[in-house]
Every structure is written in structure tokens, then in C-alpha cells.
Amino acid sequence: MDNKHTEDYVLVLEGRTEVQNASEVGKLSIISEFLNEDGSDSLSETIEANYKRVKQEILSLVESEIERIKNDAKLKHLIKE
């Protein structure tokens, strides 16, 4: 991170916020950086990977719930095939 933005952040270490003076209280804290080993930003890739993972988990959940409903005598009328 370049120095021109440091005035907008408070460093967070091990769950503690280190504040150098009262004017820093309430400013944005960096809790995670998304930089690769080469220094490039991986935020977009991280967001995309998380989105795809969550989407797949939801699809799996919906599929299993549809099967559960189909196999329940009291609920199977809710599914049209």
C-alpha cells in the first residue's frame, strides 16, 4: 500500500486496534489484504471464487431439498414434473 493512503487506515493486529492518536479512532481498518506474492491485487479473483463457491453450495442445497420434498408424501404435490 502506498503512503498517500495511510491516513485513512488504522492497523488491526490480533484483534486489537492500534491507534496512535484520538483523531484516528473510527477510521477504516485493514483486516485483510488481497495481494499476490508478486504484489498484484487478487480481490476480484477472490470475490469471483467466493461467488462461484456460494452459488454451487446453493444449487446443491436446492437440489437436495427438491429431492427431499419429492420423497415426502405430504409435500410431493408441491413439485410439478
Protein backbone atom coordinates (compact mmCIF):
# COMPACT_ATOMS: atom_id res chain seq x y z
CA MET A 1 0.00 0.00 0.00
CA ASP A 2 1.36 3.40 -0.86
CA ASN A 3 1.92 6.03 1.82
CA LYS A 4 -0.56 8.55 0.44
CA HIS A 5 -3.46 6.42 1.76
CA THR A 6 -2.15 5.58 5.24
CA GLU A 7 -4.03 8.45 6.86
CA ASP A 8 -7.30 6.64 6.04
CA TYR A 9 -6.48 3.45 7.95
CA VAL A 10 -5.92 2.11 11.43
CA LEU A 11 -3.76 -1.01 11.72
CA VAL A 12 -5.52 -4.04 13.24
CA LEU A 13 -3.29 -6.67 14.86
CA GLU A 14 -4.51 -9.82 16.62
CA GLY A 15 -7.97 -8.39 17.25
CA ARG A 16 -6.62 -5.18 18.76
CA THR A 17 -6.77 -1.81 17.08
CA GLU A 18 -3.60 0.20 17.49
CA VAL A 19 -4.46 3.91 17.47
CA GLN A 20 -1.72 6.49 17.57
CA ASN A 21 -3.95 9.44 18.38
CA ALA A 22 -7.61 10.22 19.03
CA SER A 23 -8.18 11.57 15.50
CA GLU A 24 -7.60 8.03 14.13
CA VAL A 25 -10.49 6.49 16.06
CA GLY A 26 -13.32 5.36 13.78
CA LYS A 27 -11.30 5.31 10.56
CA LEU A 28 -11.31 2.33 8.22
CA SER A 29 -9.25 -0.64 9.39
CA ILE A 30 -7.38 -3.02 7.10
CA ILE A 31 -8.21 -6.53 8.26
CA SER A 32 -7.16 -8.42 5.14
CA GLU A 33 -5.12 -7.66 2.08
CA PHE A 34 -5.65 -9.25 -1.30
CA LEU A 35 -2.17 -9.06 -2.73
CA ASN A 36 -0.49 -11.97 -4.50
CA GLU A 37 3.17 -12.85 -3.98
CA ASP A 38 4.02 -10.60 -6.92
CA GLY A 39 2.19 -7.67 -5.35
CA SER A 40 -0.77 -7.71 -7.75
CA ASP A 41 -4.30 -7.26 -6.38
CA SER A 42 -6.30 -10.51 -6.16
CA LEU A 43 -9.52 -9.02 -4.76
CA SER A 44 -11.54 -9.61 -7.94
CA GLU A 45 -10.35 -13.21 -8.19
CA THR A 46 -11.15 -13.82 -4.52
CA ILE A 47 -14.64 -12.37 -4.90
CA GLU A 48 -15.29 -14.42 -8.05
CA ALA A 49 -14.09 -17.65 -6.38
CA ASN A 50 -16.27 -17.00 -3.33
CA TYR A 51 -19.26 -16.21 -5.55
CA LYS A 52 -18.84 -19.46 -7.50
CA ARG A 53 -18.43 -21.49 -4.31
CA VAL A 54 -21.54 -20.00 -2.70
CA LYS A 55 -23.53 -20.42 -5.93
CA GLN A 56 -22.58 -24.11 -6.11
CA GLU A 57 -23.49 -24.63 -2.45
CA ILE A 58 -26.90 -23.04 -3.04
CA LEU A 59 -27.54 -25.17 -6.14
CA SER A 60 -26.65 -28.30 -4.17
CA LEU A 61 -28.92 -27.27 -1.31
CA VAL A 62 -31.84 -26.58 -3.67
CA GLU A 63 -31.34 -29.91 -5.40
CA SER A 64 -31.28 -31.85 -2.12
CA GLU A 65 -34.37 -30.01 -0.85
CA ILE A 66 -36.28 -30.77 -4.07
CA GLU A 67 -35.41 -34.46 -3.65
CA ARG A 68 -36.49 -34.34 -0.01
CA ILE A 69 -39.84 -32.76 -0.97
CA LYS A 70 -40.38 -35.30 -3.78
CA ASN A 71 -39.82 -38.15 -1.30
CA ASP A 72 -42.20 -36.75 1.33
CA ALA A 73 -45.79 -37.96 0.80
CA LYS A 74 -47.20 -34.81 2.39
CA LEU A 75 -45.10 -32.43 0.31
CA LYS A 76 -44.59 -34.12 -3.09
CA HIS A 77 -47.70 -32.38 -4.51
CA LEU A 78 -45.70 -29.12 -4.31
CA ILE A 79 -43.30 -30.27 -7.05
CA LYS A 80 -44.59 -30.30 -10.61
CA GLU A 81 -42.79 -32.61 -13.01
